[in-house]
Amino acid sequence: MTRQEFEQQLLSLSLSDKAEIVQSLTKTLSMGGKGITKTPGVCGGKACIAGTRIAVWLLVEAQQLGIREAQLLQDYPHITAADLVNAWAYAEAHPEEIAAAILANNEAA
């Protein structure tokens, strides 16, 4: 089965089935990830990939600008796909926080 065929099958599932699959995949991928932390004095206390200074908002903004995950992993070789899954999950759970951080960064530029 190709990725596109798999994606089509996933899209045809009910919302609750999709949610269960996402939760299962997130748990599996997160086991290898570092998690998300907020440390006072590190990146202004913003949410980062644990053990790094890579802010979640930075990854989200890059994604919004069209940068693909494969490129992010190449640009930041010390993070993993699981770290990106954690970042996306955090961003989805805290959209106002991420939007405010992106806006603050753009206003400062």
N, C-alpha and C. Protein backbone atom coordinates (compact mmCIF):
# COMPACT_ATOMS: atom_id res chain seq x y z
N MET A 1 0.85 -1.17 0.00
CA MET A 1 0.00 0.00 0.00
C MET A 1 0.90 1.24 0.00
N THR A 2 0.58 2.18 -0.84
CA THR A 2 1.35 3.42 -0.90
C THR A 2 0.88 4.36 0.22
N ARG A 3 1.69 5.37 0.48
CA ARG A 3 1.31 6.36 1.48
C ARG A 3 0.02 7.06 1.10
N GLN A 4 -0.13 7.35 -0.21
CA GLN A 4 -1.35 8.03 -0.67
C GLN A 4 -2.58 7.15 -0.47
N GLU A 5 -2.45 5.86 -0.75
CA GLU A 5 -3.58 4.95 -0.53
C GLU A 5 -3.92 4.88 0.96
N PHE A 6 -2.89 4.82 1.78
CA PHE A 6 -3.09 4.78 3.23
C PHE A 6 -3.77 6.05 3.71
N GLU A 7 -3.32 7.19 3.18
CA GLU A 7 -3.91 8.46 3.56
C GLU A 7 -5.38 8.52 3.17
N GLN A 8 -5.71 8.04 1.99
CA GLN A 8 -7.12 8.02 1.55
C GLN A 8 -7.97 7.18 2.49
N GLN A 9 -7.44 6.03 2.92
CA GLN A 9 -8.18 5.19 3.85
C GLN A 9 -8.37 5.88 5.19
N LEU A 10 -7.33 6.56 5.65
CA LEU A 10 -7.44 7.28 6.92
C LEU A 10 -8.49 8.38 6.83
N LEU A 11 -8.49 9.10 5.70
CA LEU A 11 -9.45 10.20 5.54
C LEU A 11 -10.89 9.72 5.51
N SER A 12 -11.10 8.48 5.13
CA SER A 12 -12.46 7.96 5.06
C SER A 12 -12.98 7.46 6.42
N LEU A 13 -12.13 7.43 7.43
CA LEU A 13 -12.55 6.97 8.76
C LEU A 13 -13.39 8.01 9.46
N SER A 14 -14.13 7.54 10.46
CA SER A 14 -14.92 8.47 11.28
C SER A 14 -13.98 9.32 12.12
N LEU A 15 -14.49 10.42 12.61
CA LEU A 15 -13.70 11.33 13.43
C LEU A 15 -13.17 10.63 14.68
N SER A 16 -13.99 9.81 15.31
CA SER A 16 -13.53 9.13 16.52
C SER A 16 -12.44 8.11 16.21
N ASP A 17 -12.55 7.41 15.07
CA ASP A 17 -11.50 6.46 14.68
C ASP A 17 -10.20 7.18 14.38
N LYS A 18 -10.31 8.33 13.70
CA LYS A 18 -9.11 9.13 13.42
C LYS A 18 -8.44 9.56 14.72
N ALA A 19 -9.25 10.00 15.68
CA ALA A 19 -8.72 10.46 16.96
C ALA A 19 -7.99 9.33 17.68
N GLU A 20 -8.55 8.14 17.66
CA GLU A 20 -7.91 6.99 18.30
C GLU A 20 -6.57 6.67 17.63
N ILE A 21 -6.54 6.73 16.32
CA ILE A 21 -5.29 6.44 15.59
C ILE A 21 -4.24 7.49 15.90
N VAL A 22 -4.64 8.76 15.91
CA VAL A 22 -3.69 9.82 16.22
C VAL A 22 -3.14 9.65 17.64
N GLN A 23 -4.00 9.34 18.59
CA GLN A 23 -3.54 9.13 19.97
C GLN A 23 -2.56 7.97 20.04
N SER A 24 -2.87 6.90 19.35
CA SER A 24 -1.98 5.74 19.35
C SER A 24 -0.63 6.07 18.72
N LEU A 25 -0.66 6.73 17.58
CA LEU A 25 0.59 7.11 16.91
C LEU A 25 1.40 8.09 17.74
N THR A 26 0.72 9.04 18.36
CA THR A 26 1.41 10.03 19.18
C THR A 26 2.11 9.35 20.35
N LYS A 27 1.43 8.42 20.99
CA LYS A 27 2.06 7.69 22.10
C LYS A 27 3.28 6.94 21.62
N THR A 28 3.16 6.27 20.49
CA THR A 28 4.27 5.49 19.95
C THR A 28 5.44 6.38 19.59
N LEU A 29 5.17 7.48 18.88
CA LEU A 29 6.24 8.38 18.47
C LEU A 29 6.82 9.16 19.63
N SER A 30 5.98 9.52 20.59
CA SER A 30 6.44 10.32 21.71
C SER A 30 7.41 9.57 22.60
N MET A 31 7.37 8.27 22.56
CA MET A 31 8.28 7.49 23.38
C MET A 31 9.73 7.80 23.03
N GLY A 32 10.00 8.16 21.78
CA GLY A 32 11.36 8.48 21.37
C GLY A 32 11.67 9.95 21.44
N GLY A 33 10.65 10.76 21.69
CA GLY A 33 10.85 12.19 21.72
C GLY A 33 11.26 12.70 23.09
N LYS A 34 11.69 13.92 23.10
CA LYS A 34 12.18 14.52 24.34
C LYS A 34 11.07 15.23 25.10
N GLY A 35 9.97 15.52 24.46
CA GLY A 35 8.91 16.26 25.10
C GLY A 35 9.06 17.75 24.90
N ILE A 36 8.17 18.48 25.52
CA ILE A 36 8.14 19.94 25.42
C ILE A 36 8.34 20.49 26.83
N THR A 37 9.21 21.48 26.95
CA THR A 37 9.45 22.09 28.25
C THR A 37 9.41 23.61 28.13
N LYS A 38 9.14 24.24 29.26
CA LYS A 38 9.23 25.69 29.39
C LYS A 38 10.19 25.94 30.54
N THR A 39 11.28 26.60 30.24
CA THR A 39 12.30 26.86 31.24
C THR A 39 12.53 28.36 31.35
N PRO A 40 12.32 28.91 32.54
CA PRO A 40 12.58 30.35 32.71
C PRO A 40 14.02 30.66 32.28
N GLY A 41 14.18 31.73 31.52
CA GLY A 41 15.50 32.14 31.07
C GLY A 41 15.98 31.46 29.81
N VAL A 42 15.21 30.50 29.30
CA VAL A 42 15.56 29.83 28.04
C VAL A 42 14.49 30.20 27.02
N CYS A 43 14.90 30.88 25.96
CA CYS A 43 13.99 31.30 24.90
C CYS A 43 12.79 32.08 25.47
N GLY A 44 13.07 32.92 26.44
CA GLY A 44 12.01 33.73 27.02
C GLY A 44 10.94 32.93 27.75
N GLY A 45 11.28 31.72 28.15
CA GLY A 45 10.31 30.87 28.85
C GLY A 45 9.28 30.25 27.93
N LYS A 46 9.47 30.39 26.62
CA LYS A 46 8.54 29.82 25.65
C LYS A 46 8.71 28.30 25.57
N ALA A 47 7.69 27.62 25.10
CA ALA A 47 7.71 26.16 24.95
C ALA A 47 8.76 25.77 23.91
N CYS A 48 9.63 24.84 24.29
CA CYS A 48 10.71 24.37 23.42
C CYS A 48 10.76 22.85 23.42
N ILE A 49 11.41 22.31 22.40
CA ILE A 49 11.75 20.89 22.42
C ILE A 49 12.68 20.70 23.61
N ALA A 50 12.38 19.78 24.49
CA ALA A 50 13.16 19.58 25.72
C ALA A 50 14.63 19.40 25.38
N GLY A 51 15.47 20.05 26.17
CA GLY A 51 16.90 19.93 26.00
C GLY A 51 17.47 20.75 24.86
N THR A 52 16.64 21.59 24.25
CA THR A 52 17.10 22.42 23.13
C THR A 52 16.61 23.85 23.34
N ARG A 53 17.01 24.71 22.44
CA ARG A 53 16.50 26.08 22.40
C ARG A 53 15.65 26.25 21.14
N ILE A 54 15.03 25.18 20.71
CA ILE A 54 14.17 25.23 19.52
C ILE A 54 12.74 25.41 19.99
N ALA A 55 12.22 26.61 19.79
CA ALA A 55 10.88 26.95 20.26
C ALA A 55 9.81 26.32 19.37
N VAL A 56 8.73 25.90 20.02
CA VAL A 56 7.61 25.31 19.29
C VAL A 56 7.06 26.32 18.29
N TRP A 57 6.94 27.59 18.71
CA TRP A 57 6.38 28.60 17.80
C TRP A 57 7.23 28.72 16.54
N LEU A 58 8.55 28.57 16.68
CA LEU A 58 9.44 28.68 15.53
C LEU A 58 9.16 27.56 14.52
N LEU A 59 8.96 26.35 15.03
CA LEU A 59 8.65 25.22 14.15
C LEU A 59 7.29 25.40 13.49
N VAL A 60 6.32 25.90 14.26
CA VAL A 60 4.98 26.12 13.71
C VAL A 60 5.03 27.19 12.62
N GLU A 61 5.75 28.27 12.89
CA GLU A 61 5.85 29.32 11.88
C GLU A 61 6.53 28.80 10.62
N ALA A 62 7.57 28.00 10.79
CA ALA A 62 8.26 27.43 9.63
C ALA A 62 7.29 26.57 8.82
N GLN A 63 6.48 25.79 9.52
CA GLN A 63 5.50 24.95 8.83
C GLN A 63 4.48 25.83 8.10
N GLN A 64 4.05 26.91 8.72
CA GLN A 64 3.10 27.83 8.09
C GLN A 64 3.69 28.48 6.84
N LEU A 65 4.99 28.64 6.82
CA LEU A 65 5.68 29.23 5.67
C LEU A 65 5.94 28.19 4.57
N GLY A 66 5.52 26.95 4.81
CA GLY A 66 5.64 25.92 3.79
C GLY A 66 6.86 25.01 3.93
N ILE A 67 7.59 25.14 5.01
CA ILE A 67 8.74 24.26 5.21
C ILE A 67 8.23 22.91 5.69
N ARG A 68 8.64 21.88 5.00
CA ARG A 68 8.17 20.53 5.31
C ARG A 68 8.94 19.93 6.47
N GLU A 69 8.33 18.92 7.10
CA GLU A 69 8.95 18.26 8.24
C GLU A 69 10.32 17.70 7.89
N ALA A 70 10.46 17.12 6.73
CA ALA A 70 11.75 16.55 6.33
C ALA A 70 12.83 17.63 6.32
N GLN A 71 12.49 18.82 5.88
CA GLN A 71 13.45 19.92 5.86
C GLN A 71 13.77 20.37 7.29
N LEU A 72 12.75 20.42 8.15
CA LEU A 72 12.99 20.79 9.54
C LEU A 72 13.95 19.80 10.21
N LEU A 73 13.73 18.53 9.93
CA LEU A 73 14.61 17.51 10.53
C LEU A 73 16.03 17.62 9.99
N GLN A 74 16.15 18.04 8.75
CA GLN A 74 17.48 18.24 8.17
C GLN A 74 18.12 19.50 8.76
N ASP A 75 17.33 20.55 8.92
CA ASP A 75 17.84 21.80 9.46
C ASP A 75 18.20 21.69 10.94
N TYR A 76 17.47 20.86 11.66
CA TYR A 76 17.70 20.64 13.09
C TYR A 76 17.98 19.16 13.33
N PRO A 77 19.17 18.69 13.00
CA PRO A 77 19.46 17.25 13.04
C PRO A 77 19.42 16.62 14.43
N HIS A 78 19.42 17.43 15.47
CA HIS A 78 19.40 16.88 16.82
C HIS A 78 17.97 16.69 17.34
N ILE A 79 16.95 16.96 16.52
CA ILE A 79 15.58 16.62 16.91
C ILE A 79 15.09 15.47 16.04
N THR A 80 14.04 14.83 16.50
CA THR A 80 13.50 13.66 15.81
C THR A 80 12.07 13.93 15.32
N ALA A 81 11.57 13.00 14.54
CA ALA A 81 10.18 13.08 14.09
C ALA A 81 9.24 13.08 15.30
N ALA A 82 9.60 12.34 16.33
CA ALA A 82 8.78 12.31 17.55
C ALA A 82 8.75 13.69 18.21
N ASP A 83 9.87 14.41 18.15
CA ASP A 83 9.90 15.76 18.70
C ASP A 83 8.94 16.67 17.94
N LEU A 84 8.88 16.49 16.63
CA LEU A 84 7.94 17.29 15.83
C LEU A 84 6.50 16.93 16.18
N VAL A 85 6.22 15.66 16.37
CA VAL A 85 4.87 15.24 16.77
C VAL A 85 4.51 15.92 18.09
N ASN A 86 5.44 15.92 19.03
CA ASN A 86 5.19 16.59 20.31
C ASN A 86 4.96 18.08 20.12
N ALA A 87 5.74 18.70 19.26
CA ALA A 87 5.58 20.14 19.00
C ALA A 87 4.22 20.43 18.38
N TRP A 88 3.81 19.63 17.40
CA TRP A 88 2.51 19.86 16.76
C TRP A 88 1.38 19.65 17.76
N ALA A 89 1.51 18.62 18.60
CA ALA A 89 0.47 18.36 19.60
C ALA A 89 0.38 19.53 20.59
N TYR A 90 1.53 20.03 21.01
CA TYR A 90 1.55 21.16 21.93
C TYR A 90 0.90 22.38 21.27
N ALA A 91 1.28 22.65 20.05
CA ALA A 91 0.75 23.81 19.32
C ALA A 91 -0.76 23.70 19.15
N GLU A 92 -1.22 22.50 18.89
CA GLU A 92 -2.67 22.30 18.73
C GLU A 92 -3.40 22.52 20.05
N ALA A 93 -2.77 22.13 21.15
CA ALA A 93 -3.39 22.29 22.47
C ALA A 93 -3.31 23.72 22.99
N HIS A 94 -2.36 24.51 22.46
CA HIS A 94 -2.14 25.88 22.94
C HIS A 94 -2.05 26.87 21.78
N PRO A 95 -3.09 26.94 20.94
CA PRO A 95 -3.00 27.78 19.73
C PRO A 95 -2.82 29.26 20.02
N GLU A 96 -3.47 29.78 21.06
CA GLU A 96 -3.35 31.21 21.36
C GLU A 96 -1.91 31.55 21.78
N GLU A 97 -1.32 30.69 22.59
CA GLU A 97 0.06 30.91 23.04
C GLU A 97 1.03 30.94 21.86
N ILE A 98 0.86 30.00 20.95
CA ILE A 98 1.76 29.92 19.80
C ILE A 98 1.55 31.11 18.88
N ALA A 99 0.30 31.47 18.62
CA ALA A 99 0.01 32.61 17.75
C ALA A 99 0.58 33.90 18.36
N ALA A 100 0.46 34.06 19.67
CA ALA A 100 0.99 35.26 20.33
C ALA A 100 2.52 35.31 20.23
N ALA A 101 3.18 34.16 20.36
CA ALA A 101 4.65 34.12 20.26
C ALA A 101 5.11 34.45 18.85
N ILE A 102 4.40 33.94 17.85
CA ILE A 102 4.74 34.24 16.47
C ILE A 102 4.56 35.74 16.19
N LEU A 103 3.43 36.27 16.65
CA LEU A 103 3.15 37.69 16.45
C LEU A 103 4.21 38.56 17.14
N ALA A 104 4.55 38.22 18.38
CA ALA A 104 5.56 38.99 19.11
C ALA A 104 6.90 38.95 18.40
N ASN A 105 7.27 37.80 17.87
CA ASN A 105 8.54 37.69 17.14
C ASN A 105 8.52 38.54 15.87
N ASN A 106 7.41 38.52 15.14
CA ASN A 106 7.32 39.29 13.90
C ASN A 106 7.29 40.79 14.16
N GLU A 107 6.69 41.19 15.28
CA GLU A 107 6.66 42.62 15.62
C GLU A 107 8.03 43.10 16.05
N ALA A 108 8.82 42.21 16.65
CA ALA A 108 10.17 42.58 17.11
C ALA A 108 11.15 42.69 15.96
N ALA A 109 10.82 42.05 14.84
CA ALA A 109 11.73 42.03 13.70
C ALA A 109 11.72 43.33 12.93
